[in-house]
Amino acid sequence: MKSAVIVFPGLNRDRDMIAALTTVGGTPPAVVWHKDTDIPDVDLIVIPGGFSYGDYLRAGAIAARSPIMSAIRGKAARGVHVLGVCNGFQILTEAGLLPGVLMRNASLRFVCREVTLEVTNADTRFTAGYKAGQHIQTPVAHHDGNYFADAATLKAVEDNGQVAFRYANGTNPNGSVNDIAGVFNRDKNVLGLMPHPENLIESAHGGLDGRALFANLLQVA
């Protein structure tokens, strides 16, 4: 399965994501610069974490208006899987590819620690490597991870099974409504999440809980 990583100015997790996709999938992803207007023929597009454009205006707001986003919208509309992690999640919401918004953490502080996630919907290509209700450990590192949606949007997200992961065991680090840590679009081929599964794919990293997400996406054992 072919993949691509989108790179924006100010990201600092692109190398981590490239390493994870290469390690798990066995093939390096294509690397696409944000000013490009085309993406190779791939099955998975990933927008990694960091601080695109220094998080000026709002986290992800400037990046969401980059030329490459039109190509990402087109690919997503044709069923290509799109994954946004941390800043990538923020970019996808700002671009209208995912519902809701990411606001400043309720504590008004940057948070960097490991959290517990509950797999809410395991019936997708992203999450089929887990079981519904399973708890996994994943690190977070963000200042604007407080997920919010208005009442109507939140009801639709919950009713449509668009919640992918929730913070569990009281580990919500940012005040996200309903403990939401990751959401899908309606078609379940676009996923945004604040935690960093790419940082727990090898025993040397302290755990393997993030590996199943990439293994299932890349169709490897």
N, C-alpha and C. Protein backbone atom coordinates (compact mmCIF):
# COMPACT_ATOMS: atom_id res chain seq x y z
N MET A 1 0.84 -1.19 0.00
CA MET A 1 0.00 0.00 0.00
C MET A 1 0.88 1.24 0.00
N LYS A 2 0.61 2.16 -0.91
CA LYS A 2 1.44 3.35 -1.05
C LYS A 2 0.89 4.48 -0.17
N SER A 3 1.82 5.27 0.37
CA SER A 3 1.42 6.37 1.24
C SER A 3 2.20 7.62 0.89
N ALA A 4 1.70 8.75 1.40
CA ALA A 4 2.37 10.04 1.20
C ALA A 4 2.26 10.85 2.48
N VAL A 5 3.30 11.59 2.79
CA VAL A 5 3.32 12.49 3.94
C VAL A 5 3.40 13.92 3.43
N ILE A 6 2.48 14.76 3.90
CA ILE A 6 2.46 16.16 3.50
C ILE A 6 3.30 16.97 4.47
N VAL A 7 4.17 17.83 3.95
CA VAL A 7 5.06 18.62 4.79
C VAL A 7 4.73 20.11 4.65
N PHE A 8 4.54 20.75 5.80
CA PHE A 8 4.29 22.18 5.88
C PHE A 8 5.43 22.85 6.64
N PRO A 9 5.66 24.15 6.42
CA PRO A 9 6.65 24.85 7.23
C PRO A 9 6.27 24.83 8.70
N GLY A 10 7.19 24.48 9.56
CA GLY A 10 6.94 24.49 10.99
C GLY A 10 6.57 23.14 11.58
N LEU A 11 6.34 22.14 10.75
CA LEU A 11 6.08 20.81 11.31
C LEU A 11 7.36 20.26 11.93
N ASN A 12 7.21 19.46 12.98
CA ASN A 12 8.38 18.83 13.58
C ASN A 12 8.17 17.33 13.81
N ARG A 13 7.06 16.79 13.29
CA ARG A 13 6.81 15.36 13.43
C ARG A 13 6.79 14.64 12.09
N ASP A 14 7.16 15.33 11.03
CA ASP A 14 7.14 14.70 9.71
C ASP A 14 8.15 13.55 9.64
N ARG A 15 9.33 13.73 10.23
CA ARG A 15 10.33 12.65 10.19
C ARG A 15 9.87 11.46 11.01
N ASP A 16 9.21 11.72 12.14
CA ASP A 16 8.67 10.61 12.94
C ASP A 16 7.65 9.82 12.13
N MET A 17 6.79 10.53 11.41
CA MET A 17 5.75 9.85 10.63
C MET A 17 6.35 9.08 9.46
N ILE A 18 7.32 9.68 8.79
CA ILE A 18 7.99 8.98 7.68
C ILE A 18 8.65 7.71 8.19
N ALA A 19 9.31 7.81 9.36
CA ALA A 19 9.98 6.64 9.94
C ALA A 19 8.96 5.56 10.30
N ALA A 20 7.83 5.96 10.86
CA ALA A 20 6.81 4.99 11.26
C ALA A 20 6.24 4.26 10.05
N LEU A 21 5.90 5.00 9.01
CA LEU A 21 5.33 4.39 7.81
C LEU A 21 6.34 3.46 7.14
N THR A 22 7.60 3.87 7.16
CA THR A 22 8.65 3.05 6.56
C THR A 22 8.90 1.78 7.38
N THR A 23 8.95 1.94 8.69
CA THR A 23 9.21 0.80 9.58
C THR A 23 8.09 -0.22 9.51
N VAL A 24 6.85 0.25 9.58
CA VAL A 24 5.72 -0.67 9.60
C VAL A 24 5.40 -1.22 8.21
N GLY A 25 5.44 -0.34 7.21
CA GLY A 25 5.04 -0.75 5.87
C GLY A 25 6.16 -1.32 5.01
N GLY A 26 7.40 -1.02 5.38
CA GLY A 26 8.54 -1.53 4.62
C GLY A 26 8.91 -0.71 3.41
N THR A 27 8.12 0.33 3.12
CA THR A 27 8.39 1.19 1.96
C THR A 27 8.27 2.65 2.38
N PRO A 28 9.26 3.48 2.07
CA PRO A 28 9.17 4.89 2.44
C PRO A 28 8.00 5.57 1.74
N PRO A 29 7.30 6.46 2.44
CA PRO A 29 6.21 7.19 1.79
C PRO A 29 6.74 8.26 0.85
N ALA A 30 5.91 8.68 -0.08
CA ALA A 30 6.24 9.86 -0.88
C ALA A 30 6.16 11.07 0.04
N VAL A 31 7.03 12.04 -0.17
CA VAL A 31 7.02 13.25 0.63
C VAL A 31 6.57 14.39 -0.27
N VAL A 32 5.49 15.06 0.12
CA VAL A 32 4.86 16.08 -0.72
C VAL A 32 4.91 17.43 -0.01
N TRP A 33 5.46 18.44 -0.68
CA TRP A 33 5.55 19.78 -0.13
C TRP A 33 4.20 20.48 -0.26
N HIS A 34 3.88 21.31 0.72
CA HIS A 34 2.54 21.91 0.81
C HIS A 34 2.19 22.81 -0.37
N LYS A 35 3.18 23.32 -1.07
CA LYS A 35 2.90 24.19 -2.22
C LYS A 35 2.68 23.41 -3.51
N ASP A 36 2.91 22.10 -3.45
CA ASP A 36 2.60 21.27 -4.62
C ASP A 36 1.09 21.25 -4.83
N THR A 37 0.70 20.92 -6.03
CA THR A 37 -0.73 20.88 -6.33
C THR A 37 -1.20 19.49 -6.71
N ASP A 38 -0.30 18.53 -6.62
CA ASP A 38 -0.67 17.16 -6.98
C ASP A 38 -0.06 16.19 -5.97
N ILE A 39 -0.71 15.06 -5.81
CA ILE A 39 -0.24 14.00 -4.91
C ILE A 39 -0.14 12.73 -5.74
N PRO A 40 0.93 11.96 -5.59
CA PRO A 40 1.05 10.71 -6.35
C PRO A 40 -0.13 9.78 -6.09
N ASP A 41 -0.21 8.75 -6.89
CA ASP A 41 -1.26 7.75 -6.74
C ASP A 41 -0.97 6.92 -5.50
N VAL A 42 -1.60 7.27 -4.39
CA VAL A 42 -1.37 6.58 -3.12
C VAL A 42 -2.70 6.16 -2.51
N ASP A 43 -2.61 5.30 -1.50
CA ASP A 43 -3.80 4.81 -0.80
C ASP A 43 -4.01 5.52 0.54
N LEU A 44 -2.95 6.16 1.03
CA LEU A 44 -3.01 6.83 2.33
C LEU A 44 -2.23 8.13 2.28
N ILE A 45 -2.87 9.21 2.74
CA ILE A 45 -2.23 10.52 2.85
C ILE A 45 -2.18 10.88 4.33
N VAL A 46 -1.01 11.30 4.81
CA VAL A 46 -0.86 11.63 6.23
C VAL A 46 -0.38 13.07 6.39
N ILE A 47 -1.06 13.82 7.23
CA ILE A 47 -0.59 15.15 7.64
C ILE A 47 -0.10 15.01 9.08
N PRO A 48 1.19 15.12 9.31
CA PRO A 48 1.74 14.88 10.65
C PRO A 48 1.61 16.09 11.56
N GLY A 49 2.16 15.94 12.76
CA GLY A 49 2.04 16.97 13.77
C GLY A 49 3.17 17.99 13.74
N GLY A 50 3.04 18.98 14.61
CA GLY A 50 4.00 20.06 14.70
C GLY A 50 3.30 21.38 14.89
N PHE A 51 3.88 22.42 14.32
CA PHE A 51 3.33 23.77 14.50
C PHE A 51 3.42 24.52 13.17
N SER A 52 2.59 24.10 12.21
CA SER A 52 2.64 24.72 10.89
C SER A 52 2.44 26.23 11.01
N TYR A 53 3.34 26.96 10.37
CA TYR A 53 3.31 28.43 10.40
C TYR A 53 3.31 28.97 11.83
N GLY A 54 3.91 28.25 12.75
CA GLY A 54 4.01 28.72 14.13
C GLY A 54 2.68 28.83 14.84
N ASP A 55 1.63 28.17 14.31
CA ASP A 55 0.28 28.26 14.90
C ASP A 55 -0.25 29.69 14.93
N TYR A 56 0.22 30.53 14.00
CA TYR A 56 -0.30 31.90 13.94
C TYR A 56 -1.76 31.88 13.52
N LEU A 57 -2.50 32.91 13.88
CA LEU A 57 -3.95 33.03 13.70
C LEU A 57 -4.64 31.99 14.58
N ARG A 58 -4.74 30.76 14.08
CA ARG A 58 -5.22 29.60 14.85
C ARG A 58 -4.40 28.41 14.38
N ALA A 59 -4.26 27.42 15.26
CA ALA A 59 -3.48 26.24 14.87
C ALA A 59 -4.09 25.60 13.64
N GLY A 60 -3.30 25.50 12.57
CA GLY A 60 -3.74 24.85 11.34
C GLY A 60 -4.45 25.75 10.35
N ALA A 61 -4.78 26.99 10.75
CA ALA A 61 -5.60 27.86 9.90
C ALA A 61 -4.90 28.26 8.60
N ILE A 62 -3.62 28.58 8.68
CA ILE A 62 -2.90 28.99 7.46
C ILE A 62 -2.63 27.78 6.59
N ALA A 63 -2.18 26.69 7.19
CA ALA A 63 -1.89 25.48 6.42
C ALA A 63 -3.12 24.97 5.68
N ALA A 64 -4.29 25.14 6.27
CA ALA A 64 -5.52 24.66 5.64
C ALA A 64 -5.82 25.37 4.33
N ARG A 65 -5.12 26.47 4.06
CA ARG A 65 -5.32 27.23 2.84
C ARG A 65 -4.16 27.06 1.85
N SER A 66 -3.30 26.09 2.11
CA SER A 66 -2.20 25.81 1.21
C SER A 66 -2.69 25.13 -0.06
N PRO A 67 -1.94 25.28 -1.17
CA PRO A 67 -2.36 24.70 -2.46
C PRO A 67 -2.64 23.20 -2.39
N ILE A 68 -1.87 22.45 -1.58
CA ILE A 68 -2.02 20.99 -1.57
C ILE A 68 -3.37 20.54 -1.05
N MET A 69 -4.06 21.41 -0.30
CA MET A 69 -5.32 20.99 0.31
C MET A 69 -6.40 20.68 -0.72
N SER A 70 -6.37 21.33 -1.85
CA SER A 70 -7.35 21.02 -2.90
C SER A 70 -7.16 19.59 -3.39
N ALA A 71 -5.90 19.18 -3.53
CA ALA A 71 -5.61 17.82 -3.97
C ALA A 71 -6.05 16.81 -2.90
N ILE A 72 -5.85 17.16 -1.63
CA ILE A 72 -6.26 16.26 -0.54
C ILE A 72 -7.77 16.12 -0.53
N ARG A 73 -8.49 17.22 -0.70
CA ARG A 73 -9.95 17.14 -0.76
C ARG A 73 -10.40 16.23 -1.89
N GLY A 74 -9.78 16.37 -3.05
CA GLY A 74 -10.15 15.55 -4.20
C GLY A 74 -9.89 14.08 -3.95
N LYS A 75 -8.73 13.77 -3.38
CA LYS A 75 -8.39 12.37 -3.08
C LYS A 75 -9.36 11.79 -2.06
N ALA A 76 -9.66 12.56 -1.01
CA ALA A 76 -10.57 12.09 0.03
C ALA A 76 -11.95 11.82 -0.55
N ALA A 77 -12.41 12.69 -1.44
CA ALA A 77 -13.72 12.51 -2.06
C ALA A 77 -13.78 11.24 -2.89
N ARG A 78 -12.62 10.79 -3.38
CA ARG A 78 -12.57 9.55 -4.18
C ARG A 78 -12.28 8.33 -3.32
N GLY A 79 -12.25 8.50 -2.00
CA GLY A 79 -12.12 7.35 -1.11
C GLY A 79 -10.74 7.08 -0.58
N VAL A 80 -9.74 7.89 -0.96
CA VAL A 80 -8.40 7.71 -0.41
C VAL A 80 -8.44 8.01 1.09
N HIS A 81 -7.72 7.23 1.88
CA HIS A 81 -7.69 7.45 3.32
C HIS A 81 -6.75 8.60 3.67
N VAL A 82 -7.20 9.45 4.57
CA VAL A 82 -6.43 10.62 5.00
C VAL A 82 -6.35 10.60 6.51
N LEU A 83 -5.15 10.71 7.04
CA LEU A 83 -4.91 10.71 8.48
C LEU A 83 -4.22 12.00 8.88
N GLY A 84 -4.79 12.70 9.86
CA GLY A 84 -4.18 13.90 10.40
C GLY A 84 -3.90 13.72 11.88
N VAL A 85 -2.65 13.89 12.30
CA VAL A 85 -2.26 13.68 13.69
C VAL A 85 -1.85 15.02 14.30
N CYS A 86 -2.45 15.36 15.42
CA CYS A 86 -2.12 16.58 16.17
C CYS A 86 -2.33 17.81 15.29
N ASN A 87 -1.28 18.47 14.84
CA ASN A 87 -1.46 19.61 13.96
C ASN A 87 -2.19 19.21 12.67
N GLY A 88 -1.97 17.96 12.24
CA GLY A 88 -2.70 17.46 11.08
C GLY A 88 -4.20 17.42 11.33
N PHE A 89 -4.61 17.06 12.54
CA PHE A 89 -6.02 17.07 12.93
C PHE A 89 -6.54 18.50 12.88
N GLN A 90 -5.78 19.43 13.42
CA GLN A 90 -6.17 20.83 13.40
C GLN A 90 -6.34 21.34 11.96
N ILE A 91 -5.42 20.96 11.09
CA ILE A 91 -5.49 21.37 9.69
C ILE A 91 -6.74 20.82 9.02
N LEU A 92 -7.05 19.56 9.28
CA LEU A 92 -8.22 18.94 8.65
C LEU A 92 -9.52 19.57 9.12
N THR A 93 -9.61 19.97 10.39
CA THR A 93 -10.82 20.65 10.84
C THR A 93 -10.91 22.05 10.23
N GLU A 94 -9.79 22.75 10.18
CA GLU A 94 -9.78 24.09 9.60
C GLU A 94 -10.13 24.06 8.11
N ALA A 95 -9.79 22.96 7.46
CA ALA A 95 -10.07 22.82 6.02
C ALA A 95 -11.48 22.31 5.76
N GLY A 96 -12.22 21.99 6.82
CA GLY A 96 -13.59 21.52 6.66
C GLY A 96 -13.70 20.05 6.29
N LEU A 97 -12.60 19.31 6.39
CA LEU A 97 -12.63 17.88 6.07
C LEU A 97 -13.08 17.04 7.26
N LEU A 98 -13.09 17.64 8.44
CA LEU A 98 -13.59 16.97 9.64
C LEU A 98 -14.47 17.95 10.42
N PRO A 99 -15.45 17.42 11.15
CA PRO A 99 -16.33 18.30 11.93
C PRO A 99 -15.66 18.80 13.19
N GLY A 100 -16.14 19.93 13.69
CA GLY A 100 -15.65 20.45 14.96
C GLY A 100 -14.43 21.34 14.81
N VAL A 101 -13.90 21.77 15.95
CA VAL A 101 -12.72 22.62 16.00
C VAL A 101 -11.82 22.17 17.13
N LEU A 102 -10.56 22.58 17.08
CA LEU A 102 -9.61 22.34 18.16
C LEU A 102 -9.25 23.68 18.79
N MET A 103 -9.56 23.82 20.08
CA MET A 103 -9.33 25.07 20.79
C MET A 103 -8.14 24.93 21.74
N ARG A 104 -7.80 26.04 22.38
CA ARG A 104 -6.73 26.04 23.38
C ARG A 104 -7.08 25.08 24.51
N ASN A 105 -6.08 24.35 25.00
CA ASN A 105 -6.29 23.45 26.12
C ASN A 105 -6.98 24.17 27.28
N ALA A 106 -7.87 23.48 27.97
CA ALA A 106 -8.61 24.09 29.07
C ALA A 106 -7.68 24.63 30.15
N SER A 107 -6.53 24.00 30.33
CA SER A 107 -5.56 24.46 31.32
C SER A 107 -4.77 25.67 30.87
N LEU A 108 -4.88 26.01 29.57
CA LEU A 108 -4.10 27.08 28.94
C LEU A 108 -2.60 26.78 28.97
N ARG A 109 -2.26 25.50 29.10
CA ARG A 109 -0.86 25.09 29.15
C ARG A 109 -0.58 24.03 28.09
N PHE A 110 0.64 24.01 27.61
CA PHE A 110 1.08 22.93 26.72
C PHE A 110 1.13 21.64 27.52
N VAL A 111 0.64 20.57 26.92
CA VAL A 111 0.58 19.28 27.60
C VAL A 111 1.43 18.27 26.83
N CYS A 112 2.33 17.59 27.53
CA CYS A 112 3.17 16.56 26.92
C CYS A 112 3.27 15.40 27.90
N ARG A 113 2.50 14.34 27.62
CA ARG A 113 2.52 13.17 28.50
C ARG A 113 1.83 12.01 27.79
N GLU A 114 1.82 10.87 28.43
CA GLU A 114 1.13 9.71 27.89
C GLU A 114 -0.30 9.67 28.43
N VAL A 115 -1.24 9.31 27.56
CA VAL A 115 -2.64 9.21 27.96
C VAL A 115 -3.17 7.82 27.60
N THR A 116 -4.32 7.50 28.17
CA THR A 116 -5.01 6.25 27.84
C THR A 116 -6.16 6.57 26.89
N LEU A 117 -6.24 5.83 25.80
CA LEU A 117 -7.33 6.00 24.84
C LEU A 117 -8.22 4.77 24.85
N GLU A 118 -9.52 4.99 24.68
CA GLU A 118 -10.46 3.90 24.45
C GLU A 118 -10.83 3.90 22.98
N VAL A 119 -10.74 2.75 22.34
CA VAL A 119 -11.14 2.61 20.94
C VAL A 119 -12.66 2.60 20.90
N THR A 120 -13.25 3.63 20.32
CA THR A 120 -14.70 3.77 20.33
C THR A 120 -15.35 3.07 19.15
N ASN A 121 -14.75 3.19 17.97
CA ASN A 121 -15.28 2.56 16.76
C ASN A 121 -14.15 1.76 16.12
N ALA A 122 -14.25 0.42 16.18
CA ALA A 122 -13.22 -0.44 15.60
C ALA A 122 -13.61 -0.96 14.23
N ASP A 123 -14.71 -0.45 13.69
CA ASP A 123 -15.24 -0.96 12.43
C ASP A 123 -14.84 -0.05 11.26
N THR A 124 -13.56 0.30 11.19
CA THR A 124 -13.04 1.13 10.10
C THR A 124 -11.67 0.62 9.71
N ARG A 125 -11.20 1.07 8.56
CA ARG A 125 -9.86 0.66 8.11
C ARG A 125 -8.79 1.17 9.06
N PHE A 126 -9.02 2.32 9.67
CA PHE A 126 -8.05 2.89 10.60
C PHE A 126 -7.94 2.08 11.90
N THR A 127 -9.07 1.58 12.37
CA THR A 127 -9.13 1.04 13.73
C THR A 127 -9.39 -0.46 13.80
N ALA A 128 -9.46 -1.14 12.67
CA ALA A 128 -9.79 -2.56 12.65
C ALA A 128 -8.73 -3.44 13.33
N GLY A 129 -7.55 -2.89 13.56
CA GLY A 129 -6.51 -3.63 14.26
C GLY A 129 -6.71 -3.66 15.76
N TYR A 130 -7.75 -2.95 16.23
CA TYR A 130 -8.08 -2.92 17.66
C TYR A 130 -9.47 -3.52 17.87
N LYS A 131 -9.87 -3.65 19.12
CA LYS A 131 -11.21 -4.08 19.46
C LYS A 131 -11.96 -2.91 20.08
N ALA A 132 -13.24 -2.80 19.80
CA ALA A 132 -14.05 -1.75 20.41
C ALA A 132 -13.97 -1.87 21.93
N GLY A 133 -13.71 -0.75 22.59
CA GLY A 133 -13.57 -0.75 24.04
C GLY A 133 -12.17 -0.99 24.53
N GLN A 134 -11.26 -1.38 23.62
CA GLN A 134 -9.87 -1.63 24.01
C GLN A 134 -9.21 -0.34 24.48
N HIS A 135 -8.36 -0.44 25.48
CA HIS A 135 -7.60 0.70 25.96
C HIS A 135 -6.16 0.59 25.47
N ILE A 136 -5.65 1.69 24.95
CA ILE A 136 -4.27 1.74 24.46
C ILE A 136 -3.59 2.97 25.03
N GLN A 137 -2.27 2.93 25.09
CA GLN A 137 -1.49 4.06 25.57
C GLN A 137 -0.91 4.82 24.38
N THR A 138 -0.97 6.13 24.45
CA THR A 138 -0.45 6.96 23.38
C THR A 138 0.02 8.29 23.95
N PRO A 139 1.15 8.82 23.46
CA PRO A 139 1.60 10.12 23.95
C PRO A 139 0.87 11.28 23.27
N VAL A 140 0.76 12.39 23.99
CA VAL A 140 0.24 13.63 23.42
C VAL A 140 1.26 14.73 23.63
N ALA A 141 1.22 15.73 22.77
CA ALA A 141 2.09 16.90 22.90
C ALA A 141 1.43 18.04 22.13
N HIS A 142 0.62 18.86 22.84
CA HIS A 142 -0.11 19.91 22.13
C HIS A 142 -0.54 21.03 23.09
N HIS A 143 -0.86 22.15 22.49
CA HIS A 143 -1.34 23.32 23.23
C HIS A 143 -2.79 23.64 22.87
N ASP A 144 -3.23 23.10 21.71
CA ASP A 144 -4.56 23.41 21.19
C ASP A 144 -5.27 22.12 20.79
N GLY A 145 -5.54 21.28 21.78
CA GLY A 145 -6.13 19.98 21.49
C GLY A 145 -7.52 19.80 22.05
N ASN A 146 -8.14 20.89 22.48
CA ASN A 146 -9.44 20.86 23.13
C ASN A 146 -10.55 20.77 22.07
N TYR A 147 -11.02 19.55 21.81
CA TYR A 147 -12.02 19.35 20.74
C TYR A 147 -13.38 19.87 21.17
N PHE A 148 -14.02 20.62 20.25
CA PHE A 148 -15.33 21.19 20.53
C PHE A 148 -16.17 21.17 19.27
N ALA A 149 -17.46 20.94 19.45
CA ALA A 149 -18.43 21.06 18.36
C ALA A 149 -19.74 21.54 18.95
N ASP A 150 -20.53 22.26 18.16
CA ASP A 150 -21.83 22.71 18.66
C ASP A 150 -22.72 21.49 18.88
N ALA A 151 -23.83 21.71 19.57
CA ALA A 151 -24.68 20.59 20.01
C ALA A 151 -25.16 19.73 18.85
N ALA A 152 -25.59 20.36 17.75
CA ALA A 152 -26.11 19.60 16.60
C ALA A 152 -25.00 18.78 15.95
N THR A 153 -23.83 19.40 15.78
CA THR A 153 -22.70 18.69 15.18
C THR A 153 -22.25 17.54 16.07
N LEU A 154 -22.18 17.80 17.37
CA LEU A 154 -21.74 16.76 18.30
C LEU A 154 -22.70 15.57 18.29
N LYS A 155 -23.99 15.85 18.24
CA LYS A 155 -24.98 14.77 18.19
C LYS A 155 -24.80 13.94 16.93
N ALA A 156 -24.58 14.62 15.80
CA ALA A 156 -24.39 13.90 14.53
C ALA A 156 -23.13 13.05 14.58
N VAL A 157 -22.06 13.60 15.13
CA VAL A 157 -20.80 12.86 15.24
C VAL A 157 -20.99 11.60 16.09
N GLU A 158 -21.68 11.76 17.21
CA GLU A 158 -21.92 10.61 18.10
C GLU A 158 -22.86 9.60 17.44
N ASP A 159 -23.94 10.08 16.86
CA ASP A 159 -24.94 9.19 16.27
C ASP A 159 -24.41 8.42 15.06
N ASN A 160 -23.50 9.05 14.30
CA ASN A 160 -22.97 8.44 13.09
C ASN A 160 -21.75 7.56 13.33
N GLY A 161 -21.38 7.38 14.58
CA GLY A 161 -20.20 6.56 14.88
C GLY A 161 -18.90 7.18 14.42
N GLN A 162 -18.86 8.52 14.44
CA GLN A 162 -17.67 9.22 13.95
C GLN A 162 -16.60 9.44 15.02
N VAL A 163 -16.89 9.07 16.26
CA VAL A 163 -15.86 9.17 17.30
C VAL A 163 -14.97 7.94 17.19
N ALA A 164 -13.71 8.15 16.95
CA ALA A 164 -12.75 7.05 16.79
C ALA A 164 -12.15 6.64 18.13
N PHE A 165 -11.70 7.62 18.90
CA PHE A 165 -11.04 7.36 20.18
C PHE A 165 -11.53 8.37 21.21
N ARG A 166 -11.57 7.94 22.46
CA ARG A 166 -11.83 8.85 23.58
C ARG A 166 -10.71 8.72 24.60
N TYR A 167 -10.44 9.81 25.30
CA TYR A 167 -9.54 9.74 26.45
C TYR A 167 -10.23 8.95 27.55
N ALA A 168 -9.51 8.03 28.16
CA ALA A 168 -10.09 7.14 29.16
C ALA A 168 -9.36 7.25 30.50
N ASN A 169 -9.97 6.70 31.50
CA ASN A 169 -9.37 6.63 32.85
C ASN A 169 -8.99 8.01 33.40
N GLY A 170 -9.79 9.02 33.05
CA GLY A 170 -9.53 10.35 33.58
C GLY A 170 -8.29 11.02 33.02
N THR A 171 -7.83 10.59 31.83
CA THR A 171 -6.58 11.14 31.29
C THR A 171 -6.80 12.26 30.26
N ASN A 172 -8.06 12.73 30.10
CA ASN A 172 -8.32 13.83 29.16
C ASN A 172 -7.38 14.99 29.48
N PRO A 173 -6.45 15.33 28.56
CA PRO A 173 -5.42 16.31 28.89
C PRO A 173 -5.77 17.75 28.50
N ASN A 174 -6.93 17.94 27.87
CA ASN A 174 -7.18 19.26 27.26
C ASN A 174 -8.59 19.79 27.43
N GLY A 175 -9.50 18.99 28.00
CA GLY A 175 -10.87 19.44 28.18
C GLY A 175 -11.81 19.12 27.04
N SER A 176 -11.38 18.28 26.09
CA SER A 176 -12.20 17.95 24.93
C SER A 176 -13.59 17.47 25.34
N VAL A 177 -14.60 17.96 24.63
CA VAL A 177 -15.98 17.58 24.90
C VAL A 177 -16.15 16.08 24.70
N ASN A 178 -16.89 15.45 25.61
CA ASN A 178 -17.15 14.00 25.56
C ASN A 178 -15.87 13.17 25.53
N ASP A 179 -14.77 13.75 26.01
CA ASP A 179 -13.47 13.06 26.04
C ASP A 179 -13.00 12.64 24.65
N ILE A 180 -13.43 13.35 23.62
CA ILE A 180 -13.11 12.95 22.24
C ILE A 180 -11.63 13.24 21.94
N ALA A 181 -10.94 12.20 21.49
CA ALA A 181 -9.52 12.31 21.11
C ALA A 181 -9.31 12.21 19.62
N GLY A 182 -10.29 11.65 18.89
CA GLY A 182 -10.15 11.50 17.45
C GLY A 182 -11.51 11.30 16.80
N VAL A 183 -11.70 11.89 15.62
CA VAL A 183 -12.98 11.78 14.91
C VAL A 183 -12.76 11.45 13.44
N PHE A 184 -13.78 10.80 12.86
CA PHE A 184 -13.82 10.51 11.43
C PHE A 184 -14.72 11.51 10.71
N ASN A 185 -14.59 11.55 9.38
CA ASN A 185 -15.62 12.17 8.57
C ASN A 185 -16.78 11.19 8.44
N ARG A 186 -17.84 11.57 7.78
CA ARG A 186 -19.02 10.70 7.68
C ARG A 186 -18.70 9.39 6.96
N ASP A 187 -17.80 9.44 5.97
CA ASP A 187 -17.48 8.24 5.19
C ASP A 187 -16.43 7.36 5.86
N LYS A 188 -15.88 7.82 6.97
CA LYS A 188 -14.88 7.07 7.75
C LYS A 188 -13.56 6.84 7.01
N ASN A 189 -13.28 7.65 5.98
CA ASN A 189 -11.98 7.51 5.31
C ASN A 189 -11.04 8.67 5.64
N VAL A 190 -11.49 9.59 6.49
CA VAL A 190 -10.64 10.67 6.99
C VAL A 190 -10.68 10.60 8.52
N LEU A 191 -9.51 10.58 9.13
CA LEU A 191 -9.41 10.51 10.59
C LEU A 191 -8.45 11.57 11.10
N GLY A 192 -8.89 12.28 12.12
CA GLY A 192 -8.00 13.19 12.83
C GLY A 192 -7.93 12.80 14.29
N LEU A 193 -6.73 12.80 14.86
CA LEU A 193 -6.58 12.52 16.29
C LEU A 193 -5.42 13.32 16.86
N MET A 194 -5.56 13.72 18.12
CA MET A 194 -4.52 14.52 18.76
C MET A 194 -3.34 13.70 19.23
N PRO A 195 -3.52 12.51 19.80
CA PRO A 195 -2.36 11.72 20.23
C PRO A 195 -1.49 11.27 19.06
N HIS A 196 -0.29 10.79 19.38
CA HIS A 196 0.73 10.45 18.39
C HIS A 196 0.98 8.94 18.35
N PRO A 197 0.20 8.18 17.60
CA PRO A 197 0.43 6.72 17.52
C PRO A 197 1.77 6.37 16.88
N GLU A 198 2.30 7.27 16.06
CA GLU A 198 3.58 6.99 15.38
C GLU A 198 4.74 6.89 16.35
N ASN A 199 4.54 7.37 17.58
CA ASN A 199 5.62 7.33 18.57
C ASN A 199 5.57 6.10 19.47
N LEU A 200 4.65 5.19 19.20
CA LEU A 200 4.62 3.93 19.95
C LEU A 200 4.41 2.76 18.98
N ILE A 201 5.41 2.52 18.15
CA ILE A 201 5.32 1.43 17.18
C ILE A 201 6.44 0.41 17.35
N GLU A 202 7.37 0.65 18.27
CA GLU A 202 8.48 -0.25 18.52
C GLU A 202 8.69 -0.40 20.01
N SER A 203 9.14 -1.57 20.43
CA SER A 203 9.38 -1.81 21.85
C SER A 203 10.36 -0.81 22.42
N ALA A 204 11.34 -0.40 21.61
CA ALA A 204 12.35 0.56 22.07
C ALA A 204 11.73 1.91 22.41
N HIS A 205 10.53 2.18 21.87
CA HIS A 205 9.84 3.44 22.17
C HIS A 205 9.07 3.36 23.48
N GLY A 206 8.96 2.15 24.04
CA GLY A 206 8.22 1.99 25.27
C GLY A 206 6.87 1.33 25.11
N GLY A 207 6.54 0.90 23.88
CA GLY A 207 5.26 0.24 23.67
C GLY A 207 4.94 0.10 22.20
N LEU A 208 3.93 -0.72 21.92
CA LEU A 208 3.55 -1.02 20.54
C LEU A 208 2.10 -0.64 20.23
N ASP A 209 1.46 0.12 21.11
CA ASP A 209 0.03 0.35 20.98
C ASP A 209 -0.36 1.13 19.73
N GLY A 210 0.56 1.89 19.17
CA GLY A 210 0.24 2.64 17.96
C GLY A 210 0.43 1.86 16.67
N ARG A 211 1.10 0.72 16.76
CA ARG A 211 1.50 0.00 15.54
C ARG A 211 0.31 -0.55 14.76
N ALA A 212 -0.73 -1.02 15.46
CA ALA A 212 -1.86 -1.66 14.79
C ALA A 212 -2.56 -0.70 13.84
N LEU A 213 -2.61 0.58 14.18
CA LEU A 213 -3.25 1.54 13.29
C LEU A 213 -2.55 1.57 11.94
N PHE A 214 -1.23 1.65 11.95
CA PHE A 214 -0.47 1.72 10.70
C PHE A 214 -0.43 0.38 9.99
N ALA A 215 -0.32 -0.70 10.76
CA ALA A 215 -0.24 -2.03 10.15
C ALA A 215 -1.51 -2.34 9.36
N ASN A 216 -2.66 -1.97 9.93
CA ASN A 216 -3.91 -2.26 9.22
C ASN A 216 -4.07 -1.36 8.00
N LEU A 217 -3.69 -0.09 8.14
CA LEU A 217 -3.78 0.83 7.00
C LEU A 217 -2.87 0.40 5.86
N LEU A 218 -1.67 -0.07 6.22
CA LEU A 218 -0.68 -0.44 5.20
C LEU A 218 -0.77 -1.90 4.80
N GLN A 219 -1.73 -2.61 5.38
CA GLN A 219 -2.00 -4.00 5.02
C GLN A 219 -0.77 -4.89 5.20
N VAL A 220 -0.19 -4.82 6.40
CA VAL A 220 0.94 -5.68 6.72
C VAL A 220 0.61 -6.45 8.00
N ALA A 221 1.28 -7.58 8.19
CA ALA A 221 1.02 -8.39 9.38
C ALA A 221 1.62 -7.75 10.60
